[in-house]
């Protein structure tokens, strides 16, 4: 990681409230863009922490971001990546995505997938820059969901 003051840890049940709070603050900026709360703002984080891989990024002792992943057949699905507003613009989103790619490779998975709202143009631009390609688009809650994927090299 960057400055040596960041660490990644797996979330536990006791982290569900902190996860929910971070996600709600990180996604709040999108409400005026899409006219509703983005899907992650209403997710069940007790369930997510118990059944998904949720890794927390701490910077200087503060919760700065998180990535929620689901292992599926042949791939790792990124369900959610969020960075607290005070920590945005520092490369932590990219760091979390790189972490997910390394995890996918270590699990022997062939690809990583994610989806986002088509209105989240800056997120799509970042994913494209990092080597993701658009797989398909489909209607979702009055908008368009963009499904993306990236192949993962084998880690031996």
C-alpha atoms as a PDB file:
ATOM      1  CA  UNK A   1       0.000   0.000   0.000  1.00  0.00           C
ATOM      2  CA  UNK A   2       1.010   3.608  -0.262  1.00  0.00           C
ATOM      3  CA  UNK A   3       2.334   5.356   2.816  1.00  0.00           C
ATOM      4  CA  UNK A   4       2.549   2.390   5.110  1.00  0.00           C
ATOM      5  CA  UNK A   5      -0.319   3.656   7.265  1.00  0.00           C
ATOM      6  CA  UNK A   6      -3.035   1.617   5.529  1.00  0.00           C
ATOM      7  CA  UNK A   7      -4.190  -1.866   6.378  1.00  0.00           C
ATOM      8  CA  UNK A   8      -6.864  -4.220   5.091  1.00  0.00           C
ATOM      9  CA  UNK A   9      -8.840  -6.423   7.456  1.00  0.00           C
ATOM     10  CA  UNK A  10     -11.790  -8.757   6.972  1.00  0.00           C
ATOM     11  CA  UNK A  11     -15.013  -7.372   8.426  1.00  0.00           C
ATOM     12  CA  UNK A  12     -16.762  -9.169  11.265  1.00  0.00           C
ATOM     13  CA  UNK A  13     -20.351  -8.970  12.498  1.00  0.00           C
ATOM     14  CA  UNK A  14     -19.349  -6.147  14.829  1.00  0.00           C
ATOM     15  CA  UNK A  15     -18.396  -4.046  11.787  1.00  0.00           C
ATOM     16  CA  UNK A  16     -21.825  -4.086  10.084  1.00  0.00           C
ATOM     17  CA  UNK A  17     -22.907  -0.670  11.412  1.00  0.00           C
ATOM     18  CA  UNK A  18     -19.609   0.950  10.401  1.00  0.00           C
ATOM     19  CA  UNK A  19     -19.896  -0.634   6.942  1.00  0.00           C
ATOM     20  CA  UNK A  20     -23.451   0.695   6.542  1.00  0.00           C
ATOM     21  CA  UNK A  21     -22.429   4.183   7.678  1.00  0.00           C
ATOM     22  CA  UNK A  22     -19.450   4.356   5.326  1.00  0.00           C
ATOM     23  CA  UNK A  23     -21.499   3.119   2.356  1.00  0.00           C
ATOM     24  CA  UNK A  24     -24.300   5.610   3.025  1.00  0.00           C
ATOM     25  CA  UNK A  25     -21.851   8.524   3.187  1.00  0.00           C
ATOM     26  CA  UNK A  26     -19.877   7.364   0.129  1.00  0.00           C
ATOM     27  CA  UNK A  27     -22.963   6.920  -2.079  1.00  0.00           C
ATOM     28  CA  UNK A  28     -24.902  10.010  -0.908  1.00  0.00           C
ATOM     29  CA  UNK A  29     -23.404  12.104  -3.724  1.00  0.00           C
ATOM     30  CA  UNK A  30     -25.179   9.914  -6.292  1.00  0.00           C
ATOM     31  CA  UNK A  31     -28.730  10.544  -5.006  1.00  0.00           C
ATOM     32  CA  UNK A  32     -29.196  13.768  -7.017  1.00  0.00           C
ATOM     33  CA  UNK A  33     -27.646  12.126 -10.086  1.00  0.00           C
ATOM     34  CA  UNK A  34     -30.075   9.188 -10.233  1.00  0.00           C
ATOM     35  CA  UNK A  35     -32.999  10.581  -8.232  1.00  0.00           C
ATOM     36  CA  UNK A  36     -32.993   7.849  -5.571  1.00  0.00           C
ATOM     37  CA  UNK A  37     -30.688   6.127  -3.135  1.00  0.00           C
ATOM     38  CA  UNK A  38     -28.251   3.799  -4.916  1.00  0.00           C
ATOM     39  CA  UNK A  39     -28.831   0.107  -4.163  1.00  0.00           C
ATOM     40  CA  UNK A  40     -25.869  -0.247  -1.748  1.00  0.00           C
ATOM     41  CA  UNK A  41     -27.344   2.376   0.580  1.00  0.00           C
ATOM     42  CA  UNK A  42     -30.188   0.033   1.543  1.00  0.00           C
ATOM     43  CA  UNK A  43     -28.317  -3.275   1.661  1.00  0.00           C
ATOM     44  CA  UNK A  44     -28.405  -5.644   4.632  1.00  0.00           C
ATOM     45  CA  UNK A  45     -24.846  -5.359   5.928  1.00  0.00           C
ATOM     46  CA  UNK A  46     -25.325  -7.874   8.740  1.00  0.00           C
ATOM     47  CA  UNK A  47     -26.033 -10.414   5.979  1.00  0.00           C
ATOM     48  CA  UNK A  48     -23.211  -9.118   3.781  1.00  0.00           C
ATOM     49  CA  UNK A  49     -20.585  -9.319   6.525  1.00  0.00           C
ATOM     50  CA  UNK A  50     -21.706 -12.840   7.405  1.00  0.00           C
ATOM     51  CA  UNK A  51     -22.056 -14.266   3.865  1.00  0.00           C
ATOM     52  CA  UNK A  52     -19.770 -12.221   1.603  1.00  0.00           C
ATOM     53  CA  UNK A  53     -16.102 -11.245   1.705  1.00  0.00           C
ATOM     54  CA  UNK A  54     -16.064  -7.693   3.071  1.00  0.00           C
ATOM     55  CA  UNK A  55     -12.612  -6.216   3.479  1.00  0.00           C
ATOM     56  CA  UNK A  56     -12.128  -2.930   5.291  1.00  0.00           C
ATOM     57  CA  UNK A  57      -9.402  -0.423   4.463  1.00  0.00           C
ATOM     58  CA  UNK A  58      -8.080   1.589   7.382  1.00  0.00           C
ATOM     59  CA  UNK A  59      -5.869   4.641   6.825  1.00  0.00           C
ATOM     60  CA  UNK A  60      -4.163   6.144   9.847  1.00  0.00           C
ATOM     61  CA  UNK A  61      -6.538   4.172  12.068  1.00  0.00           C
ATOM     62  CA  UNK A  62      -9.741   5.425  10.414  1.00  0.00           C
ATOM     63  CA  UNK A  63     -12.103   3.387   8.258  1.00  0.00           C
ATOM     64  CA  UNK A  64     -11.392   4.830   4.810  1.00  0.00           C
ATOM     65  CA  UNK A  65     -13.041   2.335   2.469  1.00  0.00           C
ATOM     66  CA  UNK A  66     -14.297  -1.143   1.872  1.00  0.00           C
ATOM     67  CA  UNK A  67     -14.856  -3.719  -0.794  1.00  0.00           C
ATOM     68  CA  UNK A  68     -17.608  -6.345  -0.702  1.00  0.00           C
ATOM     69  CA  UNK A  69     -17.014  -9.423  -2.833  1.00  0.00           C
ATOM     70  CA  UNK A  70     -18.935 -12.594  -3.597  1.00  0.00           C
ATOM     71  CA  UNK A  71     -17.224 -15.741  -4.822  1.00  0.00           C
ATOM     72  CA  UNK A  72     -19.152 -17.200  -7.732  1.00  0.00           C
ATOM     73  CA  UNK A  73     -18.384 -20.052 -10.090  1.00  0.00           C
ATOM     74  CA  UNK A  74     -15.224 -19.062 -11.949  1.00  0.00           C
ATOM     75  CA  UNK A  75     -15.262 -15.423 -10.871  1.00  0.00           C
ATOM     76  CA  UNK A  76     -15.236 -12.957  -8.029  1.00  0.00           C
ATOM     77  CA  UNK A  77     -18.112 -10.484  -8.110  1.00  0.00           C
ATOM     78  CA  UNK A  78     -17.451  -7.050  -6.643  1.00  0.00           C
ATOM     79  CA  UNK A  79     -20.782  -6.221  -5.063  1.00  0.00           C
ATOM     80  CA  UNK A  80     -19.662  -2.908  -3.644  1.00  0.00           C
ATOM     81  CA  UNK A  81     -16.609  -0.710  -3.439  1.00  0.00           C
ATOM     82  CA  UNK A  82     -16.898   2.440  -1.351  1.00  0.00           C
ATOM     83  CA  UNK A  83     -14.514   5.099  -0.083  1.00  0.00           C
ATOM     84  CA  UNK A  84     -15.484   7.546   2.651  1.00  0.00           C
ATOM     85  CA  UNK A  85     -15.846  11.096   1.300  1.00  0.00           C
ATOM     86  CA  UNK A  86     -12.941  12.398   3.404  1.00  0.00           C
ATOM     87  CA  UNK A  87     -10.655   9.797   1.780  1.00  0.00           C
ATOM     88  CA  UNK A  88     -11.812  10.070  -1.836  1.00  0.00           C
ATOM     89  CA  UNK A  89      -9.284  11.151  -4.432  1.00  0.00           C
ATOM     90  CA  UNK A  90      -6.364   9.372  -2.753  1.00  0.00           C
ATOM     91  CA  UNK A  91      -6.354   6.229  -4.901  1.00  0.00           C
ATOM     92  CA  UNK A  92      -8.063   4.039  -2.311  1.00  0.00           C
ATOM     93  CA  UNK A  93     -10.761   2.852  -4.728  1.00  0.00           C
ATOM     94  CA  UNK A  94      -8.072   1.668  -7.107  1.00  0.00           C
ATOM     95  CA  UNK A  95      -6.209   0.045  -4.210  1.00  0.00           C
ATOM     96  CA  UNK A  96      -9.362  -1.859  -3.185  1.00  0.00           C
ATOM     97  CA  UNK A  97      -9.944  -3.041  -6.757  1.00  0.00           C
ATOM     98  CA  UNK A  98      -6.331  -4.221  -7.012  1.00  0.00           C
ATOM     99  CA  UNK A  99      -6.810  -6.090  -3.739  1.00  0.00           C
ATOM    100  CA  UNK A 100      -9.905  -7.836  -5.155  1.00  0.00           C
ATOM    101  CA  UNK A 101      -8.021  -8.822  -8.303  1.00  0.00           C
ATOM    102  CA  UNK A 102      -5.184 -10.321  -6.245  1.00  0.00           C
ATOM    103  CA  UNK A 103      -7.697 -12.193  -4.102  1.00  0.00           C
ATOM    104  CA  UNK A 104      -9.464 -13.550  -7.189  1.00  0.00           C
ATOM    105  CA  UNK A 105      -6.146 -14.732  -8.590  1.00  0.00           C
ATOM    106  CA  UNK A 106      -5.152 -16.369  -5.308  1.00  0.00           C
ATOM    107  CA  UNK A 107      -8.464 -18.248  -5.330  1.00  0.00           C
ATOM    108  CA  UNK A 108      -7.743 -19.508  -8.859  1.00  0.00           C
ATOM    109  CA  UNK A 109     -10.646 -17.565 -10.358  1.00  0.00           C
ATOM    110  CA  UNK A 110     -10.587 -16.647 -14.049  1.00  0.00           C
ATOM    111  CA  UNK A 111     -12.183 -13.222 -13.875  1.00  0.00           C
ATOM    112  CA  UNK A 112     -13.556 -10.460 -11.757  1.00  0.00           C
ATOM    113  CA  UNK A 113     -16.946  -8.888 -12.411  1.00  0.00           C
ATOM    114  CA  UNK A 114     -18.748  -5.820 -11.191  1.00  0.00           C
ATOM    115  CA  UNK A 115     -21.725  -3.697 -12.085  1.00  0.00           C
ATOM    116  CA  UNK A 116     -22.541  -0.039 -11.696  1.00  0.00           C
ATOM    117  CA  UNK A 117     -25.107   2.537 -12.695  1.00  0.00           C
ATOM    118  CA  UNK A 118     -24.581   3.993 -16.167  1.00  0.00           C
ATOM    119  CA  UNK A 119     -24.988   7.475 -14.652  1.00  0.00           C
ATOM    120  CA  UNK A 120     -21.847   6.902 -12.528  1.00  0.00           C
ATOM    121  CA  UNK A 121     -19.639   7.946 -15.459  1.00  0.00           C
ATOM    122  CA  UNK A 122     -16.508   8.608 -13.384  1.00  0.00           C
ATOM    123  CA  UNK A 123     -16.676   5.077 -11.950  1.00  0.00           C
ATOM    124  CA  UNK A 124     -17.089   3.524 -15.397  1.00  0.00           C
ATOM    125  CA  UNK A 125     -14.139   5.570 -16.685  1.00  0.00           C
ATOM    126  CA  UNK A 126     -11.978   4.293 -13.818  1.00  0.00           C
ATOM    127  CA  UNK A 127     -12.983   0.671 -14.421  1.00  0.00           C
ATOM    128  CA  UNK A 128     -12.230   0.985 -18.152  1.00  0.00           C
ATOM    129  CA  UNK A 129      -8.846   2.546 -17.348  1.00  0.00           C
ATOM    130  CA  UNK A 130      -8.074  -0.403 -15.054  1.00  0.00           C
ATOM    131  CA  UNK A 131      -8.743  -2.950 -17.815  1.00  0.00           C
ATOM    132  CA  UNK A 132     -12.398  -3.809 -17.288  1.00  0.00           C
ATOM    133  CA  UNK A 133     -14.604  -4.164 -20.338  1.00  0.00           C
ATOM    134  CA  UNK A 134     -18.333  -3.653 -20.629  1.00  0.00           C
ATOM    135  CA  UNK A 135     -20.091  -6.984 -20.848  1.00  0.00           C
ATOM    136  CA  UNK A 136     -23.694  -5.784 -21.136  1.00  0.00           C
ATOM    137  CA  UNK A 137     -26.180  -3.155 -20.082  1.00  0.00           C
ATOM    138  CA  UNK A 138     -29.666  -3.810 -18.725  1.00  0.00           C
ATOM    139  CA  UNK A 139     -32.555  -1.831 -17.253  1.00  0.00           C
ATOM    140  CA  UNK A 140     -32.474  -1.556 -13.457  1.00  0.00           C
ATOM    141  CA  UNK A 141     -34.766   0.488 -11.175  1.00  0.00           C
ATOM    142  CA  UNK A 142     -35.520   3.096 -13.828  1.00  0.00           C
ATOM    143  CA  UNK A 143     -31.901   3.353 -14.961  1.00  0.00           C
ATOM    144  CA  UNK A 144     -29.297   1.233 -16.689  1.00  0.00           C
ATOM    145  CA  UNK A 145     -26.952  -1.213 -14.955  1.00  0.00           C
ATOM    146  CA  UNK A 146     -23.579  -1.624 -16.662  1.00  0.00           C
ATOM    147  CA  UNK A 147     -22.018  -5.053 -16.130  1.00  0.00           C
ATOM    148  CA  UNK A 148     -18.238  -5.196 -16.502  1.00  0.00           C
ATOM    149  CA  UNK A 149     -15.548  -7.845 -16.330  1.00  0.00           C
ATOM    150  CA  UNK A 150     -11.800  -8.240 -16.256  1.00  0.00           C
ATOM    151  CA  UNK A 151      -9.759 -11.394 -16.826  1.00  0.00           C
ATOM    152  CA  UNK A 152      -7.428 -12.388 -13.996  1.00  0.00           C
ATOM    153  CA  UNK A 153      -4.032 -13.915 -14.715  1.00  0.00           C
ATOM    154  CA  UNK A 154      -3.293 -17.114 -12.852  1.00  0.00           C
ATOM    155  CA  UNK A 155      -1.396 -16.661  -9.614  1.00  0.00           C
ATOM    156  CA  UNK A 156       0.692 -19.743  -8.911  1.00  0.00           C
END
